Amino acid sequence: RQETPVATSSAPPDFKCQKLALSVLPSFIFLSTAAAKMEAFLGTWKVDSNEDFDKFLSYFGVSSTLAKLVARLGSKTKFSRKDDAYAIKISSVKGKTESIFRLGQEFEDNCSGGMPLKAIITIEDGVMKHVQTGANETITTTRRLEGNLMHVV
């Protein structure tokens, strides 16, 4: 499976994010409808390329030098099952974060900048929508799978 990354926000500059390579092991478990929607996203995704991601990070207060380094070195995103929920782990040169969530339910999201966020993750028509809301901003990231690539905007 492969896809191109997709992440969007109403305020920050436009950017096209990453191509991610997936490493996933097959699963032969009976899945609920919500779990079946999530199954395709499970695994580790690595940034292959991005456009203007450094500008996006700078908009949210990341120093220009660190933003360029993060954009150049990329990151890894891992989706996994965690008991009756899911985990999203993001690793980059800037640090590591992990959040536990259930599809369609609001949760406390962890971001590497330490800013407290409320978030909700849904999947509709094969597109994962991750809406993060802080004190002054709302960031909407979409992830869509296309073969072995994840498109993040």
N, C-alpha and C. Protein backbone atom coordinates (compact mmCIF):
# COMPACT_ATOMS: atom_id res chain seq x y z
N ARG A 1 0.85 -1.17 0.00
CA ARG A 1 0.00 0.00 0.00
C ARG A 1 0.89 1.23 0.00
N GLN A 2 0.52 2.22 -0.76
CA GLN A 2 1.27 3.47 -0.77
C GLN A 2 0.31 4.62 -0.90
N GLU A 3 0.74 5.78 -0.42
CA GLU A 3 -0.11 6.95 -0.50
C GLU A 3 0.71 8.20 -0.34
N THR A 4 0.10 9.31 -0.67
CA THR A 4 0.78 10.59 -0.54
C THR A 4 0.15 11.35 0.60
N PRO A 5 0.96 11.97 1.48
CA PRO A 5 0.45 12.65 2.66
C PRO A 5 -0.39 13.88 2.35
N VAL A 6 -1.33 14.15 3.22
CA VAL A 6 -2.20 15.30 3.05
C VAL A 6 -2.40 15.97 4.41
N ALA A 7 -2.20 17.31 4.50
CA ALA A 7 -2.44 18.03 5.75
C ALA A 7 -2.89 19.44 5.40
N THR A 8 -3.93 19.92 6.03
CA THR A 8 -4.41 21.26 5.72
C THR A 8 -4.71 22.05 6.97
N SER A 9 -4.71 23.35 6.82
CA SER A 9 -5.08 24.25 7.89
C SER A 9 -5.65 25.50 7.25
N SER A 10 -6.58 26.12 7.91
CA SER A 10 -7.20 27.31 7.33
C SER A 10 -6.26 28.51 7.38
N ALA A 11 -5.41 28.62 8.37
CA ALA A 11 -4.58 29.80 8.53
C ALA A 11 -3.17 29.66 7.97
N PRO A 12 -2.46 28.55 8.21
CA PRO A 12 -1.07 28.49 7.79
C PRO A 12 -0.92 28.46 6.28
N PRO A 13 0.31 28.67 5.81
CA PRO A 13 0.55 28.63 4.37
C PRO A 13 0.25 27.23 3.83
N ASP A 14 -0.11 27.19 2.56
CA ASP A 14 -0.38 25.90 1.93
C ASP A 14 0.91 25.12 1.81
N PHE A 15 0.81 23.83 1.95
CA PHE A 15 1.96 22.98 1.71
C PHE A 15 1.46 21.60 1.36
N LYS A 16 2.28 20.90 0.65
CA LYS A 16 2.00 19.50 0.37
C LYS A 16 3.05 18.72 1.11
N CYS A 17 2.62 17.78 1.87
CA CYS A 17 3.51 17.11 2.80
C CYS A 17 4.20 15.92 2.16
N GLN A 18 4.03 14.80 2.74
CA GLN A 18 4.93 13.68 2.57
C GLN A 18 4.39 12.53 1.74
N LYS A 19 5.34 11.83 1.13
CA LYS A 19 5.04 10.51 0.61
C LYS A 19 5.55 9.57 1.68
N LEU A 20 4.76 8.62 2.06
CA LEU A 20 5.13 7.75 3.15
C LEU A 20 5.14 6.31 2.69
N ALA A 21 6.13 5.56 3.17
CA ALA A 21 6.20 4.15 2.85
C ALA A 21 5.63 3.37 4.02
N LEU A 22 4.86 2.37 3.75
CA LEU A 22 4.15 1.63 4.78
C LEU A 22 4.80 0.29 5.05
N SER A 23 4.93 -0.03 6.33
CA SER A 23 5.30 -1.40 6.69
C SER A 23 4.19 -1.93 7.59
N VAL A 24 3.49 -2.92 7.10
CA VAL A 24 2.31 -3.43 7.82
C VAL A 24 2.29 -4.95 7.73
N LEU A 25 1.88 -5.59 8.80
CA LEU A 25 1.70 -7.03 8.78
C LEU A 25 0.23 -7.34 8.61
N PRO A 26 -0.10 -8.34 7.80
CA PRO A 26 -1.51 -8.67 7.60
C PRO A 26 -2.18 -9.10 8.91
N SER A 27 -3.47 -8.85 8.98
CA SER A 27 -4.22 -9.20 10.18
C SER A 27 -5.45 -9.99 9.75
N PHE A 28 -5.75 -11.04 10.48
CA PHE A 28 -6.89 -11.88 10.14
C PHE A 28 -7.89 -11.90 11.29
N ILE A 29 -8.23 -10.72 11.78
CA ILE A 29 -9.13 -10.57 12.91
C ILE A 29 -10.45 -10.02 12.39
N PHE A 30 -11.56 -10.52 12.93
CA PHE A 30 -12.86 -9.96 12.57
C PHE A 30 -12.93 -8.53 13.09
N LEU A 31 -13.29 -7.60 12.24
CA LEU A 31 -13.25 -6.18 12.59
C LEU A 31 -14.63 -5.55 12.56
N SER A 32 -14.88 -4.65 13.50
CA SER A 32 -16.10 -3.85 13.47
C SER A 32 -16.00 -2.89 12.30
N THR A 33 -17.08 -2.21 11.98
CA THR A 33 -17.06 -1.24 10.88
C THR A 33 -16.01 -0.17 11.12
N ALA A 34 -15.96 0.40 12.32
CA ALA A 34 -14.97 1.44 12.63
C ALA A 34 -13.56 0.88 12.52
N ALA A 35 -13.36 -0.32 13.05
CA ALA A 35 -12.03 -0.94 13.00
C ALA A 35 -11.64 -1.25 11.56
N ALA A 36 -12.59 -1.69 10.76
CA ALA A 36 -12.30 -1.99 9.36
C ALA A 36 -11.84 -0.73 8.63
N LYS A 37 -12.45 0.41 8.94
CA LYS A 37 -12.04 1.67 8.32
C LYS A 37 -10.61 2.02 8.71
N MET A 38 -10.23 1.73 9.94
CA MET A 38 -8.92 2.10 10.47
C MET A 38 -7.83 1.14 10.02
N GLU A 39 -8.20 -0.09 9.73
CA GLU A 39 -7.24 -1.15 9.41
C GLU A 39 -6.24 -0.75 8.33
N ALA A 40 -6.69 -0.11 7.28
CA ALA A 40 -5.81 0.27 6.17
C ALA A 40 -4.72 1.25 6.59
N PHE A 41 -4.96 2.02 7.65
CA PHE A 41 -4.00 3.04 8.09
C PHE A 41 -2.97 2.49 9.08
N LEU A 42 -3.23 1.30 9.63
CA LEU A 42 -2.32 0.75 10.63
C LEU A 42 -0.97 0.45 10.01
N GLY A 43 0.08 0.77 10.74
CA GLY A 43 1.44 0.54 10.28
C GLY A 43 2.29 1.78 10.47
N THR A 44 3.51 1.71 9.97
CA THR A 44 4.46 2.82 10.09
C THR A 44 4.63 3.48 8.74
N TRP A 45 4.48 4.79 8.73
CA TRP A 45 4.58 5.58 7.51
C TRP A 45 5.76 6.54 7.65
N LYS A 46 6.61 6.58 6.64
CA LYS A 46 7.80 7.42 6.67
C LYS A 46 7.68 8.49 5.59
N VAL A 47 8.07 9.71 5.96
CA VAL A 47 8.02 10.81 4.99
C VAL A 47 9.04 10.55 3.89
N ASP A 48 8.57 10.63 2.67
CA ASP A 48 9.42 10.44 1.51
C ASP A 48 9.72 11.79 0.87
N SER A 49 8.75 12.69 0.88
CA SER A 49 8.94 14.03 0.33
C SER A 49 7.89 14.96 0.91
N ASN A 50 8.17 16.26 0.86
CA ASN A 50 7.20 17.25 1.31
C ASN A 50 7.46 18.56 0.59
N GLU A 51 6.47 19.41 0.56
CA GLU A 51 6.58 20.73 -0.04
C GLU A 51 6.14 21.76 0.98
N ASP A 52 7.00 22.72 1.28
CA ASP A 52 6.70 23.86 2.16
C ASP A 52 6.32 23.46 3.58
N PHE A 53 6.72 22.27 4.02
CA PHE A 53 6.42 21.85 5.38
C PHE A 53 7.14 22.74 6.39
N ASP A 54 8.35 23.21 6.04
CA ASP A 54 9.09 24.10 6.94
C ASP A 54 8.33 25.41 7.17
N LYS A 55 7.68 25.93 6.14
CA LYS A 55 6.88 27.15 6.29
C LYS A 55 5.67 26.90 7.20
N PHE A 56 5.07 25.74 7.05
CA PHE A 56 3.94 25.36 7.89
C PHE A 56 4.38 25.31 9.36
N LEU A 57 5.51 24.66 9.64
CA LEU A 57 6.01 24.57 11.01
C LEU A 57 6.37 25.95 11.56
N SER A 58 7.01 26.78 10.75
CA SER A 58 7.39 28.13 11.18
C SER A 58 6.17 28.95 11.57
N TYR A 59 5.08 28.77 10.84
CA TYR A 59 3.84 29.48 11.14
C TYR A 59 3.39 29.20 12.57
N PHE A 60 3.65 27.99 13.05
CA PHE A 60 3.23 27.60 14.40
C PHE A 60 4.33 27.78 15.43
N GLY A 61 5.33 28.61 15.11
CA GLY A 61 6.32 29.00 16.11
C GLY A 61 7.58 28.17 16.18
N VAL A 62 7.74 27.20 15.29
CA VAL A 62 8.98 26.42 15.26
C VAL A 62 10.04 27.31 14.62
N SER A 63 11.22 27.36 15.22
CA SER A 63 12.28 28.21 14.66
C SER A 63 12.57 27.79 13.22
N SER A 64 12.97 28.75 12.42
CA SER A 64 13.23 28.50 11.00
C SER A 64 14.26 27.39 10.81
N THR A 65 15.32 27.41 11.62
CA THR A 65 16.37 26.39 11.50
C THR A 65 15.83 25.01 11.81
N LEU A 66 15.09 24.87 12.91
CA LEU A 66 14.53 23.58 13.29
C LEU A 66 13.48 23.13 12.28
N ALA A 67 12.67 24.06 11.80
CA ALA A 67 11.63 23.72 10.81
C ALA A 67 12.27 23.15 9.54
N LYS A 68 13.35 23.77 9.09
CA LYS A 68 14.04 23.28 7.88
C LYS A 68 14.65 21.91 8.13
N LEU A 69 15.21 21.70 9.33
CA LEU A 69 15.80 20.42 9.67
C LEU A 69 14.73 19.33 9.72
N VAL A 70 13.61 19.61 10.37
CA VAL A 70 12.51 18.63 10.45
C VAL A 70 12.01 18.30 9.05
N ALA A 71 11.83 19.32 8.21
CA ALA A 71 11.34 19.10 6.85
C ALA A 71 12.34 18.27 6.04
N ARG A 72 13.63 18.53 6.23
CA ARG A 72 14.65 17.82 5.46
C ARG A 72 14.80 16.37 5.93
N LEU A 73 14.81 16.16 7.25
CA LEU A 73 15.03 14.81 7.77
C LEU A 73 13.75 13.98 7.85
N GLY A 74 12.62 14.64 7.77
CA GLY A 74 11.35 13.93 7.75
C GLY A 74 10.93 13.40 9.11
N SER A 75 9.90 12.59 9.09
CA SER A 75 9.35 12.02 10.32
C SER A 75 8.74 10.67 10.00
N LYS A 76 8.36 9.97 11.05
CA LYS A 76 7.64 8.71 10.92
C LYS A 76 6.35 8.83 11.70
N THR A 77 5.29 8.31 11.14
CA THR A 77 4.00 8.27 11.81
C THR A 77 3.57 6.81 11.89
N LYS A 78 3.22 6.37 13.09
CA LYS A 78 2.79 4.99 13.28
C LYS A 78 1.39 4.98 13.88
N PHE A 79 0.50 4.25 13.22
CA PHE A 79 -0.84 4.00 13.74
C PHE A 79 -0.88 2.54 14.20
N SER A 80 -1.37 2.31 15.41
CA SER A 80 -1.45 0.95 15.93
C SER A 80 -2.68 0.79 16.81
N ARG A 81 -3.05 -0.47 17.06
CA ARG A 81 -4.13 -0.76 17.99
C ARG A 81 -3.59 -0.64 19.40
N LYS A 82 -4.39 -0.14 20.30
CA LYS A 82 -4.01 -0.01 21.71
C LYS A 82 -5.23 -0.42 22.53
N ASP A 83 -5.30 -1.68 22.94
CA ASP A 83 -6.47 -2.22 23.64
C ASP A 83 -7.72 -1.98 22.79
N ASP A 84 -8.70 -1.22 23.30
CA ASP A 84 -9.93 -0.97 22.54
C ASP A 84 -9.87 0.37 21.81
N ALA A 85 -8.67 0.92 21.65
CA ALA A 85 -8.50 2.21 20.99
C ALA A 85 -7.34 2.10 20.00
N TYR A 86 -6.86 3.24 19.55
CA TYR A 86 -5.74 3.32 18.62
C TYR A 86 -4.71 4.30 19.15
N ALA A 87 -3.48 4.14 18.68
CA ALA A 87 -2.41 5.07 19.04
C ALA A 87 -1.86 5.68 17.76
N ILE A 88 -1.50 6.95 17.85
CA ILE A 88 -0.76 7.61 16.77
C ILE A 88 0.54 8.10 17.40
N LYS A 89 1.67 7.60 16.88
CA LYS A 89 2.99 8.01 17.36
C LYS A 89 3.69 8.73 16.22
N ILE A 90 4.21 9.91 16.53
CA ILE A 90 4.94 10.68 15.53
C ILE A 90 6.34 10.91 16.07
N SER A 91 7.35 10.54 15.26
CA SER A 91 8.75 10.71 15.64
C SER A 91 9.45 11.57 14.61
N SER A 92 10.18 12.57 15.09
CA SER A 92 11.00 13.40 14.20
C SER A 92 12.20 13.88 15.00
N VAL A 93 13.07 14.63 14.36
CA VAL A 93 14.23 15.20 15.03
C VAL A 93 13.78 16.12 16.16
N LYS A 94 12.57 16.64 16.07
CA LYS A 94 12.03 17.57 17.08
C LYS A 94 11.57 16.83 18.34
N GLY A 95 11.31 15.54 18.23
CA GLY A 95 10.87 14.77 19.38
C GLY A 95 9.85 13.71 19.00
N LYS A 96 9.27 13.09 20.02
CA LYS A 96 8.28 12.03 19.81
C LYS A 96 7.01 12.39 20.57
N THR A 97 5.89 12.07 19.96
CA THR A 97 4.61 12.25 20.63
C THR A 97 3.77 10.99 20.44
N GLU A 98 2.87 10.76 21.36
CA GLU A 98 1.92 9.65 21.22
C GLU A 98 0.59 10.10 21.79
N SER A 99 -0.46 9.81 21.06
CA SER A 99 -1.82 10.08 21.51
C SER A 99 -2.65 8.82 21.33
N ILE A 100 -3.54 8.58 22.27
CA ILE A 100 -4.46 7.44 22.20
C ILE A 100 -5.84 7.99 21.86
N PHE A 101 -6.52 7.34 20.91
CA PHE A 101 -7.82 7.86 20.46
C PHE A 101 -8.76 6.74 20.07
N ARG A 102 -10.03 7.09 20.03
CA ARG A 102 -11.09 6.24 19.48
C ARG A 102 -11.72 7.03 18.35
N LEU A 103 -11.97 6.38 17.24
CA LEU A 103 -12.56 7.07 16.10
C LEU A 103 -13.85 7.78 16.51
N GLY A 104 -13.96 9.04 16.10
CA GLY A 104 -15.17 9.81 16.33
C GLY A 104 -15.34 10.38 17.73
N GLN A 105 -14.34 10.17 18.61
CA GLN A 105 -14.44 10.69 19.98
C GLN A 105 -13.33 11.70 20.25
N GLU A 106 -13.69 12.81 20.90
CA GLU A 106 -12.70 13.84 21.22
C GLU A 106 -11.68 13.29 22.22
N PHE A 107 -10.41 13.71 22.06
CA PHE A 107 -9.35 13.28 22.96
C PHE A 107 -8.33 14.40 23.14
N GLU A 108 -7.52 14.27 24.20
CA GLU A 108 -6.42 15.20 24.44
C GLU A 108 -5.28 14.78 23.52
N ASP A 109 -4.88 15.66 22.62
CA ASP A 109 -3.82 15.35 21.67
C ASP A 109 -2.50 15.90 22.18
N ASN A 110 -1.45 15.18 21.91
CA ASN A 110 -0.11 15.62 22.30
C ASN A 110 0.62 16.14 21.08
N CYS A 111 1.18 17.32 21.19
CA CYS A 111 1.99 17.83 20.10
C CYS A 111 3.38 18.12 20.64
N SER A 112 4.38 18.06 19.78
CA SER A 112 5.76 18.22 20.24
C SER A 112 6.04 19.61 20.77
N GLY A 113 5.22 20.58 20.46
CA GLY A 113 5.41 21.93 20.98
C GLY A 113 4.87 22.11 22.38
N GLY A 114 4.18 21.10 22.91
CA GLY A 114 3.65 21.16 24.25
C GLY A 114 2.33 21.91 24.37
N MET A 115 1.81 22.42 23.26
CA MET A 115 0.55 23.16 23.28
C MET A 115 -0.60 22.18 23.51
N PRO A 116 -1.49 22.46 24.50
CA PRO A 116 -2.62 21.56 24.73
C PRO A 116 -3.63 21.65 23.58
N LEU A 117 -4.02 20.49 23.09
CA LEU A 117 -4.95 20.43 21.96
C LEU A 117 -6.07 19.44 22.26
N LYS A 118 -7.26 19.76 21.79
CA LYS A 118 -8.37 18.81 21.74
C LYS A 118 -8.40 18.33 20.30
N ALA A 119 -8.70 17.07 20.10
CA ALA A 119 -8.69 16.55 18.73
C ALA A 119 -9.78 15.51 18.56
N ILE A 120 -10.08 15.25 17.31
CA ILE A 120 -11.00 14.17 16.94
C ILE A 120 -10.52 13.62 15.61
N ILE A 121 -10.54 12.29 15.49
CA ILE A 121 -10.15 11.62 14.25
C ILE A 121 -11.35 10.83 13.75
N THR A 122 -11.69 11.04 12.49
CA THR A 122 -12.78 10.30 11.85
C THR A 122 -12.27 9.75 10.52
N ILE A 123 -12.97 8.77 10.01
CA ILE A 123 -12.68 8.24 8.67
C ILE A 123 -13.99 8.17 7.91
N GLU A 124 -14.00 8.81 6.74
CA GLU A 124 -15.18 8.79 5.89
C GLU A 124 -14.73 8.63 4.45
N ASP A 125 -15.35 7.71 3.75
CA ASP A 125 -15.00 7.42 2.35
C ASP A 125 -13.50 7.17 2.19
N GLY A 126 -12.89 6.48 3.15
CA GLY A 126 -11.48 6.13 3.06
C GLY A 126 -10.51 7.25 3.38
N VAL A 127 -11.00 8.41 3.81
CA VAL A 127 -10.14 9.55 4.13
C VAL A 127 -10.18 9.78 5.64
N MET A 128 -8.99 9.78 6.25
CA MET A 128 -8.89 10.07 7.68
C MET A 128 -8.80 11.58 7.86
N LYS A 129 -9.64 12.10 8.74
CA LYS A 129 -9.65 13.54 9.05
C LYS A 129 -9.27 13.70 10.52
N HIS A 130 -8.21 14.46 10.78
CA HIS A 130 -7.68 14.68 12.13
C HIS A 130 -7.78 16.18 12.40
N VAL A 131 -8.73 16.56 13.23
CA VAL A 131 -8.96 17.98 13.54
C VAL A 131 -8.41 18.25 14.94
N GLN A 132 -7.44 19.17 15.02
CA GLN A 132 -6.82 19.55 16.29
C GLN A 132 -7.19 21.00 16.57
N THR A 133 -7.69 21.26 17.79
CA THR A 133 -8.10 22.61 18.16
C THR A 133 -7.33 23.05 19.40
N GLY A 134 -6.64 24.20 19.26
CA GLY A 134 -5.92 24.80 20.37
C GLY A 134 -6.62 26.08 20.78
N ALA A 135 -5.95 26.90 21.56
CA ALA A 135 -6.54 28.14 22.05
C ALA A 135 -6.90 29.09 20.91
N ASN A 136 -6.05 29.18 19.89
CA ASN A 136 -6.26 30.16 18.83
C ASN A 136 -6.34 29.58 17.42
N GLU A 137 -6.09 28.32 17.27
CA GLU A 137 -6.00 27.73 15.93
C GLU A 137 -6.74 26.40 15.86
N THR A 138 -7.20 26.08 14.67
CA THR A 138 -7.70 24.75 14.36
C THR A 138 -6.93 24.25 13.16
N ILE A 139 -6.37 23.07 13.28
CA ILE A 139 -5.60 22.46 12.20
C ILE A 139 -6.34 21.20 11.77
N THR A 140 -6.59 21.08 10.48
CA THR A 140 -7.23 19.89 9.95
C THR A 140 -6.23 19.19 9.04
N THR A 141 -5.92 17.95 9.37
CA THR A 141 -5.01 17.13 8.57
C THR A 141 -5.83 16.00 7.97
N THR A 142 -5.70 15.80 6.66
CA THR A 142 -6.37 14.67 6.03
C THR A 142 -5.32 13.69 5.54
N ARG A 143 -5.63 12.42 5.67
CA ARG A 143 -4.75 11.35 5.19
C ARG A 143 -5.58 10.46 4.29
N ARG A 144 -5.06 10.26 3.08
CA ARG A 144 -5.77 9.45 2.09
C ARG A 144 -4.79 8.43 1.54
N LEU A 145 -5.22 7.18 1.46
CA LEU A 145 -4.36 6.11 0.96
C LEU A 145 -4.58 5.89 -0.53
N GLU A 146 -3.46 5.68 -1.20
CA GLU A 146 -3.48 5.36 -2.63
C GLU A 146 -2.38 4.33 -2.86
N GLY A 147 -2.77 3.08 -2.96
CA GLY A 147 -1.77 2.02 -3.07
C GLY A 147 -0.94 1.98 -1.80
N ASN A 148 0.40 2.05 -1.96
CA ASN A 148 1.31 2.02 -0.81
C ASN A 148 1.72 3.41 -0.35
N LEU A 149 1.04 4.43 -0.81
CA LEU A 149 1.36 5.80 -0.42
C LEU A 149 0.23 6.40 0.40
N MET A 150 0.60 7.25 1.35
CA MET A 150 -0.36 8.02 2.11
C MET A 150 -0.15 9.48 1.75
N HIS A 151 -1.21 10.12 1.30
CA HIS A 151 -1.16 11.55 0.96
C HIS A 151 -1.65 12.32 2.18
N VAL A 152 -0.82 13.21 2.70
CA VAL A 152 -1.16 13.99 3.89
C VAL A 152 -1.23 15.45 3.51
N VAL A 153 -2.37 16.07 3.79
CA VAL A 153 -2.52 17.50 3.51
C VAL A 153 -3.06 18.15 4.77
